[in-house]
Every structure is written in structure tokens, then in C-alpha cells.
N, C-alpha and C. Protein backbone atom coordinates (compact mmCIF):
# COMPACT_ATOMS: atom_id res chain seq x y z
N MET A 1 -79.09 -175.59 -170.28
CA MET A 1 -77.77 -176.43 -170.72
C MET A 1 -76.55 -175.36 -171.12
N PRO A 2 -76.82 -174.16 -171.28
CA PRO A 2 -75.70 -173.45 -171.50
C PRO A 2 -74.86 -173.12 -170.26
N ILE A 3 -75.37 -173.45 -169.18
CA ILE A 3 -74.59 -173.14 -167.90
C ILE A 3 -73.49 -174.34 -167.77
N MET A 4 -73.99 -175.62 -168.16
CA MET A 4 -73.02 -176.73 -168.11
C MET A 4 -71.98 -176.50 -169.15
N ASN A 5 -72.42 -175.95 -170.20
CA ASN A 5 -71.31 -175.74 -171.24
C ASN A 5 -70.27 -174.62 -170.68
N GLU A 6 -70.77 -173.58 -170.17
CA GLU A 6 -69.92 -172.59 -169.65
C GLU A 6 -69.13 -173.15 -168.52
N LYS A 7 -69.61 -174.02 -167.66
CA LYS A 7 -68.93 -174.72 -166.52
C LYS A 7 -67.70 -175.59 -167.18
N SER A 8 -68.20 -176.31 -168.23
CA SER A 8 -67.15 -177.02 -168.82
C SER A 8 -66.07 -176.26 -169.54
N VAL A 9 -66.48 -175.12 -170.11
CA VAL A 9 -65.40 -174.41 -170.62
C VAL A 9 -64.45 -173.81 -169.44
N ASP A 10 -65.08 -173.31 -168.33
CA ASP A 10 -64.33 -172.87 -167.26
C ASP A 10 -63.45 -173.89 -166.74
N GLU A 11 -63.96 -175.11 -166.72
CA GLU A 11 -63.13 -176.22 -166.17
C GLU A 11 -61.96 -176.45 -167.07
N LYS A 12 -62.27 -176.47 -168.22
CA LYS A 12 -61.26 -176.71 -169.23
C LYS A 12 -60.19 -175.69 -169.22
N ARG A 13 -60.68 -174.48 -169.10
CA ARG A 13 -59.68 -173.29 -168.91
C ARG A 13 -58.88 -173.35 -167.62
N ASP A 14 -59.51 -173.70 -166.67
CA ASP A 14 -58.89 -173.86 -165.33
C ASP A 14 -57.70 -175.00 -165.51
N LYS A 15 -58.21 -176.24 -166.03
CA LYS A 15 -57.14 -177.27 -166.17
C LYS A 15 -56.09 -176.88 -167.12
N LYS A 16 -56.32 -176.19 -168.24
CA LYS A 16 -55.39 -175.63 -168.99
C LYS A 16 -54.29 -174.75 -168.39
N ASN A 17 -54.96 -173.78 -167.40
CA ASN A 17 -54.07 -172.74 -166.71
C ASN A 17 -53.32 -173.71 -165.78
N ASP A 18 -54.03 -174.60 -165.22
CA ASP A 18 -53.16 -175.52 -164.19
C ASP A 18 -52.19 -176.27 -164.84
N LEU A 19 -52.24 -176.73 -166.03
CA LEU A 19 -51.31 -177.46 -166.83
C LEU A 19 -50.08 -176.56 -167.18
N SER A 20 -50.56 -175.24 -167.57
CA SER A 20 -49.54 -174.23 -167.91
C SER A 20 -48.65 -173.97 -166.88
N GLN A 21 -49.41 -173.74 -165.69
CA GLN A 21 -48.58 -173.45 -164.54
C GLN A 21 -47.74 -174.63 -164.00
N LEU A 22 -48.26 -175.75 -164.16
CA LEU A 22 -47.39 -176.89 -163.81
C LEU A 22 -46.17 -177.07 -164.68
N ALA A 23 -46.38 -176.66 -165.96
CA ALA A 23 -45.25 -176.75 -166.91
C ALA A 23 -44.28 -175.74 -166.69
N GLU A 24 -44.84 -174.59 -166.36
CA GLU A 24 -43.94 -173.37 -165.98
C GLU A 24 -42.93 -173.80 -164.63
N GLU A 25 -43.71 -174.33 -163.68
CA GLU A 25 -43.18 -174.83 -162.52
C GLU A 25 -42.02 -175.89 -162.71
N LYS A 26 -42.30 -176.75 -163.70
CA LYS A 26 -41.46 -177.77 -164.08
C LYS A 26 -40.18 -177.17 -164.72
N ASN A 27 -40.46 -176.20 -165.63
CA ASN A 27 -39.34 -175.66 -166.37
C ASN A 27 -38.40 -174.94 -165.25
N GLU A 28 -38.97 -174.14 -164.29
CA GLU A 28 -38.31 -173.61 -163.20
C GLU A 28 -37.50 -174.62 -162.37
N MET A 29 -38.15 -175.67 -162.14
CA MET A 29 -37.48 -176.75 -161.33
C MET A 29 -36.31 -177.20 -162.07
N GLU A 30 -36.54 -177.63 -163.34
CA GLU A 30 -35.37 -178.02 -164.20
C GLU A 30 -34.23 -177.05 -164.31
N PHE A 31 -34.69 -175.82 -164.42
CA PHE A 31 -33.72 -174.66 -164.45
C PHE A 31 -32.89 -174.63 -163.22
N ASP A 32 -33.53 -174.67 -162.06
CA ASP A 32 -32.94 -174.75 -160.72
C ASP A 32 -32.02 -176.16 -160.65
N LYS A 33 -32.59 -177.03 -160.94
CA LYS A 33 -31.81 -178.35 -160.90
C LYS A 33 -30.59 -178.18 -161.65
N LYS A 34 -30.61 -177.80 -162.86
CA LYS A 34 -29.40 -177.53 -163.59
C LYS A 34 -28.27 -176.60 -163.20
N ASN A 35 -28.82 -175.47 -162.55
CA ASN A 35 -27.91 -174.64 -161.58
C ASN A 35 -27.34 -175.31 -160.49
N ILE A 36 -28.01 -175.96 -159.75
CA ILE A 36 -27.70 -176.88 -158.67
C ILE A 36 -26.51 -177.83 -159.07
N GLU A 37 -26.78 -178.48 -160.20
CA GLU A 37 -25.78 -179.47 -160.68
C GLU A 37 -24.51 -178.58 -161.02
N ILE A 38 -24.56 -177.48 -161.67
CA ILE A 38 -23.38 -176.76 -161.88
C ILE A 38 -22.70 -176.33 -160.68
N GLU A 39 -23.48 -176.02 -159.73
CA GLU A 39 -22.75 -175.65 -158.46
C GLU A 39 -22.14 -176.73 -157.65
N LEU A 40 -22.76 -177.87 -157.96
CA LEU A 40 -22.19 -179.13 -157.22
C LEU A 40 -20.78 -179.54 -157.95
N GLN A 41 -20.90 -179.40 -159.30
CA GLN A 41 -19.66 -179.55 -160.02
C GLN A 41 -18.52 -178.74 -159.61
N LYS A 42 -18.92 -177.41 -159.43
CA LYS A 42 -17.93 -176.27 -158.94
C LYS A 42 -17.35 -176.87 -157.56
N THR A 43 -18.29 -177.22 -156.68
CA THR A 43 -17.86 -177.47 -155.28
C THR A 43 -16.98 -178.70 -155.35
N ILE A 44 -17.48 -179.65 -156.21
CA ILE A 44 -16.53 -181.03 -156.17
C ILE A 44 -15.15 -180.77 -156.73
N GLU A 45 -15.01 -179.75 -157.77
CA GLU A 45 -13.78 -179.35 -158.19
C GLU A 45 -12.90 -178.59 -157.20
N GLU A 46 -13.62 -177.56 -156.37
CA GLU A 46 -12.99 -176.93 -155.19
C GLU A 46 -12.57 -177.91 -154.41
N ALA A 47 -13.26 -179.03 -154.02
CA ALA A 47 -12.74 -179.98 -152.97
C ALA A 47 -11.67 -180.74 -153.55
N ARG A 48 -11.51 -181.05 -154.71
CA ARG A 48 -10.59 -181.83 -155.41
C ARG A 48 -9.32 -180.89 -155.26
N LEU A 49 -9.39 -179.59 -155.54
CA LEU A 49 -8.12 -178.60 -155.52
C LEU A 49 -7.80 -178.55 -154.09
N LEU A 50 -8.78 -178.39 -153.15
CA LEU A 50 -8.31 -178.31 -151.74
C LEU A 50 -7.52 -179.46 -151.24
N GLU A 51 -7.95 -180.72 -151.55
CA GLU A 51 -7.19 -181.94 -151.37
C GLU A 51 -5.79 -182.01 -151.87
N GLU A 52 -5.68 -181.52 -153.20
CA GLU A 52 -4.36 -181.49 -153.80
C GLU A 52 -3.36 -180.42 -152.97
N VAL A 53 -4.07 -179.38 -152.48
CA VAL A 53 -3.24 -178.43 -151.61
C VAL A 53 -3.04 -178.95 -150.37
N CYS A 54 -3.88 -179.74 -149.81
CA CYS A 54 -3.66 -180.31 -148.42
C CYS A 54 -2.43 -181.38 -148.76
N ASP A 55 -2.37 -182.18 -149.59
CA ASP A 55 -1.50 -183.18 -149.85
C ASP A 55 -0.16 -182.42 -150.10
N ALA A 56 -0.07 -181.44 -150.93
CA ALA A 56 1.18 -180.62 -151.29
C ALA A 56 1.67 -180.12 -149.83
N ARG A 57 0.70 -179.54 -149.07
CA ARG A 57 1.17 -179.08 -147.64
C ARG A 57 1.76 -179.98 -146.82
N LYS A 58 0.93 -181.16 -146.91
CA LYS A 58 1.68 -182.27 -146.04
C LYS A 58 3.02 -182.59 -146.50
N SER A 59 3.21 -182.86 -147.86
CA SER A 59 4.49 -183.11 -148.38
C SER A 59 5.55 -182.12 -148.10
N HIS A 60 5.23 -180.90 -148.10
CA HIS A 60 6.16 -179.82 -147.94
C HIS A 60 6.45 -179.92 -146.31
N GLU A 61 5.48 -180.23 -145.39
CA GLU A 61 5.77 -180.34 -144.10
C GLU A 61 6.72 -181.32 -143.64
N GLU A 62 6.56 -182.63 -144.38
CA GLU A 62 7.42 -183.72 -144.25
C GLU A 62 9.04 -183.53 -144.58
N ALA A 63 9.00 -182.66 -145.78
CA ALA A 63 10.07 -182.47 -146.39
C ALA A 63 10.94 -181.46 -145.37
N PHE A 64 10.18 -180.43 -144.85
CA PHE A 64 10.72 -179.51 -143.82
C PHE A 64 11.25 -180.24 -142.61
N SER A 65 10.39 -181.04 -142.32
CA SER A 65 10.81 -182.07 -141.10
C SER A 65 12.25 -182.65 -141.24
N GLN A 66 12.20 -183.26 -142.37
CA GLN A 66 13.54 -184.10 -142.85
C GLN A 66 14.66 -183.02 -142.80
N ALA A 67 14.49 -181.92 -143.37
CA ALA A 67 15.49 -180.95 -143.46
C ALA A 67 15.88 -180.58 -142.15
N GLU A 68 14.93 -180.39 -141.10
CA GLU A 68 15.36 -179.84 -139.78
C GLU A 68 16.08 -181.01 -139.23
N ASN A 69 15.85 -182.35 -139.43
CA ASN A 69 16.42 -183.49 -138.77
C ASN A 69 17.95 -183.54 -139.31
N LYS A 70 17.91 -183.31 -140.79
CA LYS A 70 19.29 -183.39 -141.24
C LYS A 70 20.13 -182.24 -140.70
N THR A 71 19.41 -181.00 -140.46
CA THR A 71 20.25 -179.88 -139.87
C THR A 71 20.76 -180.31 -138.59
N SER A 72 19.90 -180.85 -137.71
CA SER A 72 20.43 -181.40 -136.38
C SER A 72 21.33 -182.18 -136.63
N VAL A 73 21.50 -183.24 -137.30
CA VAL A 73 22.53 -184.27 -137.43
C VAL A 73 23.69 -183.36 -137.80
N LEU A 74 23.60 -182.29 -138.81
CA LEU A 74 24.88 -181.51 -139.25
C LEU A 74 25.41 -180.84 -138.06
N ASP A 75 24.53 -180.32 -137.11
CA ASP A 75 25.00 -179.40 -136.13
C ASP A 75 25.72 -180.33 -134.99
N VAL A 76 25.14 -181.40 -134.85
CA VAL A 76 25.81 -182.47 -133.98
C VAL A 76 27.16 -182.80 -134.47
N GLN A 77 27.30 -183.08 -135.85
CA GLN A 77 28.48 -183.41 -136.34
C GLN A 77 29.55 -182.19 -136.28
N ASP A 78 29.00 -181.03 -136.43
CA ASP A 78 29.93 -179.79 -136.34
C ASP A 78 30.49 -179.79 -134.86
N SER A 79 29.49 -179.94 -133.99
CA SER A 79 29.80 -179.85 -132.65
C SER A 79 30.80 -181.05 -132.22
N LYS A 80 30.67 -182.11 -132.77
CA LYS A 80 31.68 -183.27 -132.49
C LYS A 80 32.93 -182.88 -133.05
N ALA A 81 33.02 -182.39 -134.26
CA ALA A 81 34.20 -182.03 -134.81
C ALA A 81 34.79 -180.91 -134.00
N ALA A 82 34.08 -179.96 -133.67
CA ALA A 82 34.66 -178.71 -132.71
C ALA A 82 35.20 -179.33 -131.52
N SER A 83 34.52 -180.25 -130.84
CA SER A 83 35.07 -181.04 -129.48
C SER A 83 36.46 -181.76 -129.89
N GLU A 84 36.33 -182.54 -130.85
CA GLU A 84 37.51 -183.30 -131.30
C GLU A 84 38.75 -182.32 -131.54
N MET A 85 38.48 -181.17 -132.03
CA MET A 85 39.59 -180.19 -132.26
C MET A 85 40.01 -179.50 -130.94
N GLU A 86 39.13 -179.49 -129.96
CA GLU A 86 39.28 -178.87 -128.58
C GLU A 86 40.19 -179.89 -127.95
N VAL A 87 39.78 -181.21 -128.02
CA VAL A 87 40.54 -182.20 -127.36
C VAL A 87 41.93 -182.22 -127.83
N GLU A 88 42.15 -182.25 -129.21
CA GLU A 88 43.48 -182.39 -129.73
C GLU A 88 44.32 -181.01 -129.31
N LYS A 89 43.79 -179.94 -129.24
CA LYS A 89 44.56 -178.77 -128.74
C LYS A 89 45.00 -179.09 -127.33
N MET A 90 44.02 -179.52 -126.45
CA MET A 90 44.43 -179.98 -124.98
C MET A 90 45.49 -180.90 -124.92
N ARG A 91 45.40 -181.93 -125.80
CA ARG A 91 46.51 -183.02 -125.79
C ARG A 91 47.97 -182.28 -126.18
N GLU A 92 47.95 -181.29 -127.10
CA GLU A 92 49.10 -180.65 -127.65
C GLU A 92 49.55 -179.84 -126.42
N GLU A 93 48.60 -179.13 -125.77
CA GLU A 93 49.00 -178.35 -124.54
C GLU A 93 49.59 -179.19 -123.41
N ILE A 94 48.97 -180.34 -123.02
CA ILE A 94 49.56 -181.38 -122.21
C ILE A 94 50.96 -181.83 -122.53
N ALA A 95 51.17 -182.01 -123.93
CA ALA A 95 52.37 -182.48 -124.27
C ALA A 95 53.47 -181.46 -124.03
N ILE A 96 53.22 -180.12 -124.37
CA ILE A 96 53.95 -179.08 -124.10
C ILE A 96 54.32 -178.83 -122.64
N GLN A 97 53.22 -178.92 -121.85
CA GLN A 97 53.32 -178.61 -120.28
C GLN A 97 54.31 -180.04 -119.77
N THR A 98 54.09 -181.19 -120.25
CA THR A 98 54.78 -182.27 -119.88
C THR A 98 56.35 -182.14 -120.27
N SER A 99 56.55 -181.71 -121.45
CA SER A 99 57.89 -181.45 -121.83
C SER A 99 58.66 -180.40 -120.86
N LYS A 100 57.81 -179.28 -120.74
CA LYS A 100 58.37 -178.13 -119.81
C LYS A 100 58.54 -178.87 -118.39
N LEU A 101 57.79 -179.61 -117.82
CA LEU A 101 57.78 -180.21 -116.62
C LEU A 101 59.10 -181.18 -116.53
N ALA A 102 59.39 -181.96 -117.57
CA ALA A 102 60.52 -182.73 -117.81
C ALA A 102 61.84 -181.96 -117.69
N GLU A 103 61.80 -180.88 -118.38
CA GLU A 103 62.90 -180.05 -118.38
C GLU A 103 63.19 -179.48 -117.01
N ALA A 104 62.13 -178.93 -116.37
CA ALA A 104 62.10 -178.46 -115.00
C ALA A 104 62.81 -179.33 -114.09
N TYR A 105 62.31 -180.60 -114.13
CA TYR A 105 62.75 -181.83 -113.29
C TYR A 105 64.26 -182.00 -113.59
N ASN A 106 64.43 -182.01 -114.89
CA ASN A 106 66.02 -182.24 -115.15
C ASN A 106 66.96 -181.12 -114.63
N THR A 107 66.36 -179.89 -114.63
CA THR A 107 67.12 -178.71 -114.18
C THR A 107 67.21 -178.80 -112.71
N ILE A 108 66.17 -179.16 -111.93
CA ILE A 108 66.24 -179.31 -110.61
C ILE A 108 67.18 -180.37 -110.22
N THR A 109 67.13 -181.67 -110.89
CA THR A 109 68.17 -182.72 -110.64
C THR A 109 69.43 -182.13 -110.80
N THR A 110 69.77 -181.50 -111.88
CA THR A 110 70.99 -180.92 -112.23
C THR A 110 71.70 -180.00 -111.00
N LEU A 111 70.68 -179.21 -110.68
CA LEU A 111 71.09 -178.21 -109.62
C LEU A 111 71.27 -178.78 -108.23
N GLU A 112 70.38 -179.77 -107.98
CA GLU A 112 70.69 -180.62 -106.75
C GLU A 112 71.90 -181.45 -106.91
N ASN A 113 72.32 -181.95 -107.83
CA ASN A 113 73.64 -182.67 -108.22
C ASN A 113 74.76 -181.59 -107.81
N ALA A 114 74.43 -180.49 -108.48
CA ALA A 114 75.73 -179.55 -108.37
C ALA A 114 75.72 -178.96 -106.89
N LEU A 115 74.62 -178.86 -106.27
CA LEU A 115 74.72 -178.38 -104.78
C LEU A 115 75.29 -179.48 -103.96
N SER A 116 74.93 -180.73 -104.20
CA SER A 116 75.62 -181.69 -103.50
C SER A 116 77.22 -181.80 -103.80
N LEU A 117 77.57 -181.62 -104.87
CA LEU A 117 78.82 -181.52 -105.13
C LEU A 117 79.63 -180.43 -104.60
N ALA A 118 78.93 -179.16 -104.58
CA ALA A 118 79.43 -178.03 -103.96
C ALA A 118 79.60 -178.28 -102.25
N GLU A 119 78.71 -178.88 -101.75
CA GLU A 119 78.71 -179.10 -100.39
C GLU A 119 79.81 -179.88 -100.00
N LYS A 120 80.19 -181.04 -100.89
CA LYS A 120 81.15 -181.99 -100.48
C LYS A 120 82.59 -181.32 -100.63
N THR A 121 82.67 -180.34 -101.44
CA THR A 121 84.04 -179.74 -101.54
C THR A 121 84.21 -178.66 -100.73
């Protein structure tokens, strides 16, 4: 009967060792789980920050695009103003040339009349 008793003691010891090992593995798994949860929270926070950065970048790109559009409009307005000034200068020059042409015509008419009178006399 002592053999049974020894076997029983060995089985109890093995079961106790198995339970200890399982408890240790459980503790390790809980520790690993906690670390994974911490890493998950860090990753979630990083994702949130990345989303904020992406939103800010998109907002900045839209603002930049609007600024470019406004700059283009201002360039067109400046170009239009410069063109209008050039047209006004051309009108002034045309008026001056028209006046000179009228003076020249009057001079020619006067000279023709004088020549005509001179030929008659």
C-alpha cells in the first residue's frame, strides 16, 4: 500500500506543480494583456493625433488654395488696370495726333489758298 500512497503523493505534487505553472502562466498572460492594452491606448492616441494633423493639413491646403485664387484675381485686376491705363494713354496720343493732323490740314488749306491767290495775281 505504500506504493499507492507514494503515487498519490506524486500525483498531488504534480497537480500542485501544474496548478502553480498554470497560475504563473495566467499571471504572465494578464501582464502581457495589460501591456497590450497600454500599447493599444498609445496607438489609439497616436491615430487621433494623426487625424488632427491630417485635418489641419487639409485646412491649410484649402486656405492656401483660396489665397492662390485671390492672388490670381488680384493679378487679373492689376492687369486690367494696367491695360485700361495703356488704353487711356493711347487715346491721349490719338487726340494729340488728331490735333496735329487738323493743324497740318489747316496749314495745307491756307497754303493752297495762298498759292491759288498768288497764281491769280
